[in-house]
Amino acid sequence: MRPITALIVLTAALVLLLAPGAPALASDITLPKMTPEQLKAACDKAGGKFSPGTPIYGCGTDCQGKPGTDCTVSCTAGQKCTAQVVGGRRAHSVADALTKPGRH
């Protein structure tokens, strides 16, 4: 009987987690177009790791000044860039997207 109960609890938890309207763990934000050189400069300043590529290039940080994947910005040549940040933050620039804001 225990495996059935565990399966029911697990299923219910997954349904609640994946249900529409559930809080998002990360959000996608559209940012202006950037050249690979511009993104690399912003990435270096934020302490991230730049990933060159054609036509897609990007940068990732741990949101705290080190390379990682918690905060990312990816760009496709000639198109707007997309940032993905944790915690439902609303970044307004690449620098905001790659770093965690300080406490006020």
Protein backbone atom coordinates (compact mmCIF):
# COMPACT_ATOMS: atom_id res chain seq x y z
CA MET A 1 0.00 0.00 0.00
CA ARG A 2 2.89 2.44 0.66
CA PRO A 3 4.13 2.54 -2.97
CA ILE A 4 0.64 3.48 -4.19
CA THR A 5 0.37 6.29 -1.62
CA ALA A 6 3.82 7.58 -2.56
CA LEU A 7 2.88 7.50 -6.26
CA ILE A 8 -0.32 9.45 -5.61
CA VAL A 9 1.51 12.09 -3.55
CA LEU A 10 4.24 12.42 -6.21
CA THR A 11 1.66 12.75 -8.98
CA ALA A 12 -0.26 15.41 -7.08
CA ALA A 13 2.94 17.37 -6.42
CA LEU A 14 3.89 17.28 -10.10
CA VAL A 15 0.41 18.40 -11.16
CA LEU A 16 0.57 21.37 -8.79
CA LEU A 17 4.10 22.26 -9.90
CA LEU A 18 3.34 22.09 -13.61
CA ALA A 19 -0.17 23.55 -13.46
CA PRO A 20 -0.88 26.72 -15.43
CA GLY A 21 -0.60 29.75 -13.22
CA ALA A 22 2.05 28.17 -11.02
CA PRO A 23 4.86 30.56 -10.11
CA ALA A 24 7.71 30.46 -12.62
CA LEU A 25 11.21 29.64 -11.50
CA ALA A 26 12.71 31.62 -14.36
CA SER A 27 11.43 34.24 -16.72
CA ASP A 28 12.39 35.18 -20.27
CA ILE A 29 12.99 38.85 -21.02
CA THR A 30 13.56 40.43 -24.42
CA LEU A 31 16.52 42.80 -24.66
CA PRO A 32 17.83 44.97 -27.53
CA LYS A 33 20.07 43.58 -30.29
CA MET A 34 23.74 43.17 -29.43
CA THR A 35 26.77 42.22 -31.45
CA PRO A 36 28.94 39.36 -30.21
CA GLU A 37 31.58 41.92 -29.20
CA GLN A 38 29.08 43.95 -27.16
CA LEU A 39 27.74 40.87 -25.39
CA LYS A 40 31.25 39.59 -24.68
CA ALA A 41 32.21 42.94 -23.11
CA ALA A 42 29.08 42.90 -20.90
CA CYS A 43 29.70 39.25 -20.06
CA ASP A 44 33.31 39.88 -19.04
CA LYS A 45 32.20 42.81 -16.86
CA ALA A 46 29.59 40.59 -15.12
CA GLY A 47 32.15 37.81 -14.53
CA GLY A 48 30.35 35.37 -16.82
CA LYS A 49 31.39 32.90 -19.47
CA PHE A 50 30.87 33.99 -23.08
CA SER A 51 29.92 31.31 -25.60
CA PRO A 52 30.68 32.39 -29.17
CA GLY A 53 28.78 30.94 -32.08
CA THR A 54 27.20 31.60 -35.42
CA PRO A 55 24.45 32.69 -35.55
CA ILE A 56 23.73 32.21 -31.81
CA TYR A 57 26.02 33.47 -29.05
CA GLY A 58 25.48 33.92 -25.33
CA CYS A 59 26.68 34.50 -21.80
CA GLY A 60 25.95 32.78 -18.52
CA THR A 61 26.60 33.65 -14.90
CA ASP A 62 25.64 32.34 -11.48
CA CYS A 63 24.03 35.82 -10.98
CA GLN A 64 26.78 36.62 -8.47
CA GLY A 65 29.81 37.44 -10.62
CA LYS A 66 30.98 33.97 -11.59
CA PRO A 67 30.37 31.74 -14.63
CA GLY A 68 27.23 29.65 -14.43
CA THR A 69 23.79 29.12 -15.91
CA ASP A 70 21.44 30.76 -13.40
CA CYS A 71 21.34 34.02 -15.37
CA THR A 72 21.81 33.84 -19.12
CA VAL A 73 21.59 36.08 -22.16
CA SER A 74 21.49 34.61 -25.65
CA CYS A 75 21.43 36.46 -28.95
CA THR A 76 20.83 35.51 -32.55
CA ALA A 77 22.67 37.66 -35.09
CA GLY A 78 20.48 40.53 -36.29
CA GLN A 79 17.70 39.85 -33.76
CA LYS A 80 16.83 40.94 -30.24
CA CYS A 81 18.49 39.09 -27.37
CA THR A 82 16.73 37.01 -24.75
CA ALA A 83 17.63 36.93 -21.08
CA GLN A 84 16.59 34.26 -18.64
CA VAL A 85 16.75 35.17 -14.96
CA VAL A 86 15.74 33.36 -11.80
CA GLY A 87 13.28 34.53 -9.21
CA GLY A 88 10.92 36.40 -11.49
CA ARG A 89 13.19 39.46 -11.63
CA ARG A 90 12.59 42.01 -14.35
CA ALA A 91 15.93 42.93 -15.94
CA HIS A 92 16.12 46.09 -18.05
CA SER A 93 19.65 45.61 -19.38
CA VAL A 94 22.19 42.87 -20.00
CA ALA A 95 24.05 43.89 -16.84
CA ASP A 96 20.82 43.56 -14.82
CA ALA A 97 20.12 40.17 -16.38
CA LEU A 98 23.56 38.75 -15.59
CA THR A 99 23.87 39.99 -12.01
CA LYS A 100 21.70 39.80 -8.94
CA PRO A 101 20.64 43.21 -7.67
CA GLY A 102 21.99 44.25 -4.29
CA ARG A 103 19.73 44.67 -1.28
CA HIS A 104 18.45 48.18 -0.62
